[in-house]
Amino acid sequence: MREVIMGYQGEMSLKGLNRNQFESTMMKILRYRLKTVGRFRVYCTQSTFYMEPEEEDIDMDLAFERVSKVFGLAALSRAVVCEKDFDTICQTAEDYLGDSLHGIKTFKVEARRSDKTFPMTSPELMRELGAYLLGRHNYLRVDVKNPQFKVIVEIRDYGAYIHGPKIQGEGGLPVGTSGRALNMLSGGIDSPVAAYRMAKRGLGLDHIHFASPPYTSERAKLKVKALAQLITPYTGSTNLFVVPYTKPQEYIRDNAPDVLFTVLMRRSMMRIANIIARKQGCEALVTGESLAQVASQTVKALQCTDAAQDLPILRPLIGMDKTEIVETARHINTFETSILPYEDCCTIFTPPHPKIRPELSEILEAEAGMPGLAELEAEAAEATERIRLRITDDVEFEG
């Protein structure tokens, strides 16, 4: 039997005249994700991406796992392809899916006929194939509303494709089709989720992290690297920029009003991120901020933060509550790493009672009293370490 992977378009199919560009990007991504598994022929027709192995003994379980995390696919299935002949379809369905019909009580057959030259209509094919399978598995009964298993036959241009229920994909758009941005990766729960959500909208991402040794440890840096690595199956290969932020942070601590420290620090980080982003050709910054979650995430505080630099700041979590964010973190396998108790640059020197409604005028006045900050920020940006991260499904980090 010739097994293939089929990936079904979702939102991409609505892109009109630009659709070819999205499909071309998707095929490049799929080929890249599969190249370490084996040689595959990847092509697109009828709003479906086909991934056909060109070698024997390819691990199709691994291949399916690799492409299941690719944004842009609304659903996927593993299928076998056979001749568009009814007797062949029946035998192939039994050979490929017969074992799946053991141990269940109900099933149904679904058929889709995009090739209208096939002599049987979809209802006829469903009825006759269902009768054939019932003859082989007489303990079954048909349940068209709530079956335990579906046998699906798609009559397409190049053959009959037979598979079980489709697996839900990640949806969204192929990474890279919406530009590129720099994600502020703190090491907490929120920022990896923010990266996931923006990558889902087709945004290519690099990450930036601020480290303040000796206040933050090498283990904290390794934790952030592990988080960036964990989401590469979704975001693709990426760069992690680690900024040595100790001197700017100490300078703000020693020269600014205590109640304004957090917002002043966030503005400083944004200015440094702007420098790195422009060098990388990024068009926006991404943060994991959620409205009113902490003092620096009130409307007034965000207004002050935004005014520090001129790139768009994308906040995909702004309207989400913590339970929704945690649910997504568990889905992308970052939660357990995020909650490891290592120091976060954003939490050191935090005042006990930060101002939750700062005015931009008082922020600018405070910055005017720190003439040495700009030079320290430039030095930190210049000394930033770049770490290249490739796509992998295997990440180990012991807390």
Protein backbone atom coordinates (compact mmCIF):
# COMPACT_ATOMS: atom_id res chain seq x y z
CA MET A 1 0.00 0.00 0.00
CA ARG A 2 1.20 3.49 -0.85
CA GLU A 3 0.71 5.70 2.18
CA VAL A 4 0.69 9.50 1.99
CA ILE A 5 0.06 12.43 4.31
CA MET A 6 -2.66 14.87 3.31
CA GLY A 7 -2.82 18.39 4.74
CA TYR A 8 -5.98 20.41 4.24
CA GLN A 9 -6.01 24.17 3.83
CA GLY A 10 -8.09 26.39 6.07
CA GLU A 11 -7.85 30.18 5.98
CA MET A 12 -5.22 30.00 3.25
CA SER A 13 -7.85 28.95 0.72
CA LEU A 14 -9.51 32.38 1.09
CA LYS A 15 -6.46 34.36 -0.03
CA GLY A 16 -7.55 35.01 -3.60
CA LEU A 17 -4.84 36.24 -5.95
CA ASN A 18 -2.18 35.91 -3.23
CA ARG A 19 -2.98 32.27 -2.56
CA ASN A 20 -0.12 30.91 -4.68
CA GLN A 21 2.41 32.75 -2.51
CA PHE A 22 0.98 31.19 0.66
CA GLU A 23 0.94 27.72 -0.91
CA SER A 24 4.52 28.09 -2.15
CA THR A 25 5.70 29.08 1.34
CA MET A 26 3.80 26.19 2.88
CA MET A 27 5.41 23.65 0.55
CA LYS A 28 8.88 24.97 1.41
CA ILE A 29 8.09 24.64 5.13
CA LEU A 30 6.77 21.09 4.72
CA ARG A 31 9.82 20.01 2.73
CA TYR A 32 12.12 21.47 5.37
CA ARG A 33 10.26 19.79 8.24
CA LEU A 34 10.39 16.41 6.47
CA LYS A 35 13.93 16.43 5.10
CA THR A 36 15.45 14.84 8.22
CA VAL A 37 12.82 12.08 8.08
CA GLY A 38 13.39 11.09 4.46
CA ARG A 39 12.74 12.15 0.88
CA PHE A 40 9.18 13.28 0.20
CA ARG A 41 7.45 14.64 -2.85
CA VAL A 42 5.41 17.64 -1.69
CA TYR A 43 2.82 19.27 -3.92
CA CYS A 44 -0.52 21.05 -3.71
CA THR A 45 -3.74 20.58 -5.63
CA GLN A 46 -7.45 20.97 -4.85
CA SER A 47 -6.72 22.94 -1.63
CA THR A 48 -4.76 19.98 -0.26
CA PHE A 49 -1.05 19.45 0.34
CA TYR A 50 0.25 15.98 -0.47
CA MET A 51 3.38 14.54 1.15
CA GLU A 52 4.36 11.33 -0.61
CA PRO A 53 7.43 9.37 0.58
CA GLU A 54 9.93 8.60 -2.17
CA GLU A 55 11.89 6.05 -0.13
CA GLU A 56 11.13 2.76 1.56
CA ASP A 57 11.04 2.34 5.34
CA ILE A 58 10.28 5.99 6.12
CA ASP A 59 8.95 6.56 9.65
CA MET A 60 5.49 7.89 8.79
CA ASP A 61 4.62 8.35 12.48
CA LEU A 62 7.52 10.76 12.86
CA ALA A 63 6.73 12.48 9.56
CA PHE A 64 3.12 13.02 10.59
CA GLU A 65 4.21 14.37 13.98
CA ARG A 66 6.58 16.85 12.31
CA VAL A 67 4.01 18.34 9.97
CA SER A 68 1.13 18.31 12.48
CA LYS A 69 2.62 21.39 14.18
CA VAL A 70 2.94 23.41 10.97
CA PHE A 71 0.70 26.47 10.91
CA GLY A 72 -1.56 26.78 7.88
CA LEU A 73 -3.02 23.27 7.95
CA ALA A 74 -6.58 23.08 9.27
CA ALA A 75 -6.60 19.26 9.31
CA LEU A 76 -4.39 16.31 8.38
CA SER A 77 -4.78 12.64 7.62
CA ARG A 78 -2.66 9.63 6.82
CA ALA A 79 -4.14 7.90 3.81
CA VAL A 80 -3.47 5.19 1.27
CA VAL A 81 -4.00 5.86 -2.40
CA CYS A 82 -5.31 3.27 -4.84
CA GLU A 83 -6.90 3.03 -8.26
CA LYS A 84 -10.32 4.60 -8.74
CA ASP A 85 -11.99 1.23 -9.02
CA PHE A 86 -14.75 0.18 -6.61
CA ASP A 87 -13.45 -3.36 -5.95
CA THR A 88 -9.95 -2.01 -5.34
CA ILE A 89 -11.31 0.67 -3.01
CA CYS A 90 -13.17 -1.96 -0.98
CA GLN A 91 -10.16 -4.22 -0.60
CA THR A 92 -7.83 -1.31 0.20
CA ALA A 93 -10.20 0.06 2.84
CA GLU A 94 -10.33 -3.35 4.52
CA ASP A 95 -6.57 -3.84 4.37
CA TYR A 96 -5.75 -0.36 5.67
CA LEU A 97 -8.52 0.28 8.19
CA GLY A 98 -9.84 -3.19 9.01
CA ASP A 99 -7.88 -3.38 12.26
CA SER A 100 -9.37 -0.05 13.38
CA LEU A 101 -12.85 -1.56 13.10
CA HIS A 102 -12.09 -4.20 15.73
CA GLY A 103 -13.19 -3.42 19.27
CA ILE A 104 -15.80 -0.82 18.28
CA LYS A 105 -19.53 -1.06 17.73
CA THR A 106 -20.45 1.71 15.30
CA PHE A 107 -18.97 3.29 12.19
CA LYS A 108 -19.92 5.24 9.09
CA VAL A 109 -18.49 5.76 5.63
CA GLU A 110 -18.00 9.23 4.20
CA ALA A 111 -17.23 9.77 0.52
CA ARG A 112 -16.25 12.86 -1.42
CA ARG A 113 -16.08 12.77 -5.20
CA SER A 114 -14.18 15.72 -6.69
CA ASP A 115 -13.53 13.64 -9.83
CA LYS A 116 -17.00 13.59 -11.35
CA THR A 117 -15.99 11.04 -13.99
CA PHE A 118 -16.02 8.34 -11.30
CA PRO A 119 -19.13 6.26 -12.13
CA MET A 120 -20.58 6.09 -8.61
CA THR A 121 -22.07 9.07 -6.79
CA SER A 122 -20.90 9.85 -3.26
CA PRO A 123 -24.09 8.41 -1.64
CA GLU A 124 -23.76 5.25 -3.74
CA LEU A 125 -20.12 4.81 -2.77
CA MET A 126 -20.91 5.32 0.93
CA ARG A 127 -23.75 2.78 0.80
CA GLU A 128 -21.91 0.10 -1.14
CA LEU A 129 -18.60 0.41 0.72
CA GLY A 130 -20.48 0.40 4.02
CA ALA A 131 -22.25 -2.80 3.01
CA TYR A 132 -18.94 -4.41 2.04
CA LEU A 133 -17.35 -3.57 5.40
CA LEU A 134 -20.44 -4.76 7.30
CA GLY A 135 -20.11 -8.07 5.49
CA ARG A 136 -16.54 -8.37 6.80
CA HIS A 137 -17.37 -7.10 10.32
CA ASN A 138 -20.90 -8.29 11.08
CA TYR A 139 -20.69 -7.16 14.72
CA LEU A 140 -20.75 -3.52 13.55
CA ARG A 141 -23.70 -1.27 12.91
CA VAL A 142 -23.87 2.02 11.04
CA ASP A 143 -24.37 5.21 13.02
CA VAL A 144 -24.36 8.27 10.77
CA LYS A 145 -24.74 10.81 13.60
CA ASN A 146 -22.25 9.71 16.25
CA PRO A 147 -20.05 6.87 14.99
CA GLN A 148 -17.06 5.58 16.89
CA PHE A 149 -15.02 5.49 13.70
CA LYS A 150 -15.21 7.01 10.22
CA VAL A 151 -13.98 5.45 7.01
CA ILE A 152 -13.39 8.28 4.55
CA VAL A 153 -12.89 7.91 0.80
CA GLU A 154 -11.88 10.88 -1.36
CA ILE A 155 -12.08 10.39 -5.12
CA ARG A 156 -9.58 12.89 -6.45
CA ASP A 157 -7.76 13.55 -9.72
CA TYR A 158 -4.82 11.22 -9.05
CA GLY A 159 -6.54 8.35 -7.30
CA ALA A 160 -8.82 7.24 -4.49
CA TYR A 161 -7.56 8.28 -1.05
CA ILE A 162 -8.75 6.20 1.89
CA HIS A 163 -8.23 7.20 5.51
CA GLY A 164 -9.74 7.36 8.96
CA PRO A 165 -10.95 10.50 10.77
CA LYS A 166 -9.01 13.68 10.06
CA ILE A 167 -6.77 15.04 12.78
CA GLN A 168 -7.24 18.70 13.64
CA GLY A 169 -4.29 20.84 12.59
CA GLU A 170 -2.97 24.04 14.15
CA GLY A 171 -4.72 26.26 11.62
CA GLY A 172 -3.53 29.81 11.01
CA LEU A 173 -1.15 30.85 8.24
CA PRO A 174 2.30 29.60 7.20
CA VAL A 175 5.10 31.15 9.26
CA GLY A 176 6.83 33.92 7.36
CA THR A 177 3.89 35.03 5.23
CA SER A 178 3.08 37.95 7.56
CA GLY A 179 6.58 39.38 8.00
CA ARG A 180 8.99 39.05 10.92
CA ALA A 181 9.01 40.32 14.51
CA LEU A 182 11.12 40.18 17.68
CA ASN A 183 9.48 38.47 20.65
CA MET A 184 10.30 39.56 24.22
CA LEU A 185 10.98 36.19 25.89
CA SER A 186 11.07 36.60 29.66
CA GLY A 187 11.10 33.01 30.92
CA GLY A 188 7.58 33.09 32.34
CA ILE A 189 4.38 31.44 31.14
CA ASP A 190 3.12 34.24 28.92
CA SER A 191 5.85 35.08 26.41
CA PRO A 192 6.17 31.61 24.79
CA VAL A 193 2.38 31.61 24.35
CA ALA A 194 2.59 35.05 22.74
CA ALA A 195 5.19 33.69 20.29
CA TYR A 196 2.96 30.72 19.47
CA ARG A 197 -0.07 32.92 18.82
CA MET A 198 1.78 35.34 16.57
CA ALA A 199 3.50 32.54 14.64
CA LYS A 200 0.01 31.15 14.06
CA ARG A 201 -0.81 34.38 12.24
CA GLY A 202 2.11 33.77 9.87
CA LEU A 203 4.68 35.93 11.66
CA GLY A 204 8.30 34.79 11.57
CA LEU A 205 9.97 35.31 14.94
CA ASP A 206 13.25 35.90 16.67
CA HIS A 207 13.43 36.22 20.47
CA ILE A 208 15.15 38.65 22.82
CA HIS A 209 15.88 38.00 26.48
CA PHE A 210 17.35 40.33 29.10
CA ALA A 211 19.78 38.80 31.59
CA SER A 212 21.19 40.59 34.64
CA PRO A 213 23.99 38.53 36.15
CA PRO A 214 24.73 38.06 39.02
CA TYR A 215 21.09 38.79 39.91
CA THR A 216 19.98 36.25 37.30
CA SER A 217 21.81 32.94 36.98
CA GLU A 218 23.15 30.90 34.09
CA ARG A 219 20.37 28.40 34.80
CA ALA A 220 17.80 31.13 34.17
CA LYS A 221 19.38 31.80 30.77
CA LEU A 222 19.37 28.07 29.94
CA LYS A 223 15.70 27.91 30.91
CA VAL A 224 14.85 30.66 28.41
CA LYS A 225 16.90 28.91 25.73
CA ALA A 226 14.93 25.72 26.44
CA LEU A 227 11.63 27.61 26.09
CA ALA A 228 12.71 29.08 22.75
CA GLN A 229 13.73 25.60 21.63
CA LEU A 230 10.45 24.03 22.77
CA ILE A 231 8.39 26.24 20.47
CA THR A 232 10.56 25.80 17.36
CA PRO A 233 8.21 23.04 16.05
CA TYR A 234 5.63 25.84 15.79
CA THR A 235 7.73 28.94 15.06
CA GLY A 236 10.43 27.34 12.94
CA SER A 237 14.18 27.89 13.38
CA THR A 238 14.92 31.10 15.20
CA ASN A 239 17.49 33.36 16.85
CA LEU A 240 17.61 34.04 20.57
CA PHE A 241 19.31 37.32 21.50
CA VAL A 242 20.50 37.54 25.11
CA VAL A 243 21.12 41.12 26.27
CA PRO A 244 23.53 41.76 29.19
CA TYR A 245 21.25 44.17 31.03
CA THR A 246 22.85 44.46 34.49
CA LYS A 247 24.35 47.95 34.10
CA PRO A 248 21.26 49.68 32.64
CA GLN A 249 19.06 48.03 35.25
CA GLU A 250 21.30 49.05 38.16
CA TYR A 251 21.50 52.58 36.76
CA ILE A 252 17.72 52.89 36.67
CA ARG A 253 17.48 51.49 40.19
CA ASP A 254 19.99 53.99 41.53
CA ASN A 255 18.74 57.10 39.72
CA ALA A 256 14.96 56.83 39.22
CA PRO A 257 11.95 57.21 41.51
CA ASP A 258 11.21 53.83 43.05
CA VAL A 259 7.53 53.81 42.06
CA LEU A 260 8.41 54.36 38.39
CA PHE A 261 11.17 51.74 38.18
CA THR A 262 9.19 49.02 36.39
CA VAL A 263 7.84 51.24 33.61
CA LEU A 264 11.23 52.92 33.14
CA MET A 265 12.86 49.49 32.87
CA ARG A 266 10.27 48.32 30.33
CA ARG A 267 10.87 51.42 28.22
CA SER A 268 14.62 50.82 28.37
CA MET A 269 14.14 47.22 27.23
CA MET A 270 11.93 48.36 24.38
CA ARG A 271 14.59 50.76 23.13
CA ILE A 272 17.22 48.03 23.14
CA ALA A 273 14.80 45.60 21.47
CA ASN A 274 14.18 48.22 18.79
CA ILE A 275 17.90 48.34 17.99
CA ILE A 276 18.16 44.53 17.71
CA ALA A 277 14.90 44.26 15.75
CA ARG A 278 15.98 46.76 13.11
CA LYS A 279 19.32 45.00 12.66
CA GLN A 280 17.41 41.76 12.05
CA GLY A 281 14.93 43.30 9.65
CA CYS A 282 12.04 42.79 12.08
CA GLU A 283 8.98 44.96 11.57
CA ALA A 284 7.40 44.74 15.04
CA LEU A 285 7.93 43.74 18.67
CA VAL A 286 5.87 41.07 20.43
CA THR A 287 5.20 40.91 24.17
CA GLY A 288 3.24 38.56 26.44
CA GLU A 289 1.46 41.37 28.26
CA SER A 290 -2.15 40.87 29.34
CA LEU A 291 -4.22 43.90 30.30
CA ALA A 292 -4.13 44.67 34.04
CA GLN A 293 -2.31 41.43 34.92
CA VAL A 294 0.41 43.40 36.76
CA ALA A 295 1.12 47.07 37.47
CA SER A 296 3.17 47.57 34.29
CA GLN A 297 0.28 46.29 32.16
CA THR A 298 -2.38 48.88 32.89
CA VAL A 299 -3.55 51.07 30.02
CA LYS A 300 -1.56 54.04 31.33
CA ALA A 301 1.59 51.97 31.82
CA LEU A 302 1.30 50.43 28.36
CA GLN A 303 0.84 53.89 26.87
CA CYS A 304 4.12 54.97 28.46
CA THR A 305 5.88 51.80 27.30
CA ASP A 306 4.68 52.18 23.70
CA ALA A 307 6.02 55.73 23.50
CA ALA A 308 9.61 54.58 24.13
CA GLN A 309 10.19 53.49 20.51
CA ASP A 310 8.49 53.54 17.12
CA LEU A 311 7.99 49.92 16.05
CA PRO A 312 4.48 48.40 16.37
CA ILE A 313 4.08 46.41 19.60
CA LEU A 314 1.91 43.32 19.16
CA ARG A 315 0.26 41.92 22.30
CA PRO A 316 -1.64 38.75 21.33
CA LEU A 317 -2.52 37.94 24.97
CA ILE A 318 -3.91 41.38 25.82
CA GLY A 319 -7.50 40.15 26.27
CA MET A 320 -6.77 36.68 27.63
CA ASP A 321 -7.02 35.64 31.27
CA LYS A 322 -4.42 33.52 32.98
CA THR A 323 -6.33 30.25 32.73
CA GLU A 324 -6.54 30.61 28.95
CA ILE A 325 -2.83 31.38 28.73
CA VAL A 326 -1.92 28.39 30.92
CA GLU A 327 -4.11 26.11 28.81
CA THR A 328 -2.21 27.15 25.69
CA ALA A 329 1.15 26.80 27.47
CA ARG A 330 0.25 23.21 28.30
CA HIS A 331 -0.77 22.60 24.68
CA ILE A 332 2.61 23.75 23.36
CA ASN A 333 4.52 21.95 26.15
CA THR A 334 6.13 25.05 27.69
CA PHE A 335 4.22 25.28 30.98
CA GLU A 336 6.37 22.93 33.07
CA THR A 337 9.57 24.68 31.98
CA SER A 338 8.08 28.16 32.44
CA ILE A 339 7.22 27.56 36.09
CA LEU A 340 10.74 26.47 37.08
CA PRO A 341 11.78 28.91 39.84
CA TYR A 342 14.72 30.77 38.30
CA GLU A 343 15.30 34.51 38.59
CA ASP A 344 13.63 36.74 36.02
CA CYS A 345 15.21 40.05 35.09
CA CYS A 346 11.78 41.69 35.19
CA THR A 347 11.17 40.74 38.82
CA ILE A 348 14.41 41.87 40.47
CA PHE A 349 14.44 45.33 42.07
CA THR A 350 10.64 45.44 41.73
CA PRO A 351 9.24 48.14 44.07
CA PRO A 352 6.65 47.06 46.66
CA HIS A 353 4.12 49.64 45.44
CA PRO A 354 4.68 50.53 41.76
CA LYS A 355 2.63 53.30 40.25
CA ILE A 356 -0.18 51.78 38.21
CA ARG A 357 -1.25 54.95 36.35
CA PRO A 358 1.96 56.73 35.42
CA GLU A 359 1.85 59.83 33.24
CA LEU A 360 4.16 60.06 30.26
CA SER A 361 5.28 63.54 31.36
CA GLU A 362 6.64 62.22 34.67
CA ILE A 363 8.31 59.30 32.92
CA LEU A 364 10.09 61.67 30.52
CA GLU A 365 11.09 63.87 33.43
CA ALA A 366 12.60 60.86 35.24
CA GLU A 367 14.51 59.83 32.10
CA ALA A 368 15.86 63.36 31.74
CA GLY A 369 17.48 62.85 35.13
CA MET A 370 19.33 59.75 33.81
CA PRO A 371 21.63 61.16 31.08
CA GLY A 372 23.89 58.10 31.17
CA LEU A 373 21.15 55.56 30.38
CA ALA A 374 21.27 55.88 26.58
CA GLU A 375 24.97 55.01 26.46
CA LEU A 376 24.48 51.98 28.73
CA GLU A 377 21.62 50.79 26.51
CA ALA A 378 23.77 51.14 23.39
CA GLU A 379 26.58 49.16 25.04
CA ALA A 380 24.15 46.42 26.08
CA ALA A 381 22.75 46.18 22.54
CA GLU A 382 26.27 45.96 21.11
CA ALA A 383 27.28 43.19 23.55
CA THR A 384 24.18 41.08 22.89
CA GLU A 385 24.78 37.36 22.40
CA ARG A 386 23.09 35.60 19.46
CA ILE A 387 22.08 31.94 19.83
CA ARG A 388 20.81 30.07 16.76
CA LEU A 389 18.10 27.48 17.45
CA ARG A 390 17.08 24.81 14.93
CA ILE A 391 13.79 22.97 14.85
CA THR A 392 13.65 19.94 17.11
CA ASP A 393 10.98 17.92 18.88
CA ASP A 394 13.33 16.76 21.65
CA VAL A 395 14.23 19.25 24.37
CA GLU A 396 15.44 18.33 27.81
CA PHE A 397 15.98 20.82 30.63
CA GLU A 398 16.26 19.61 34.17
CA GLY A 399 15.35 22.25 36.70
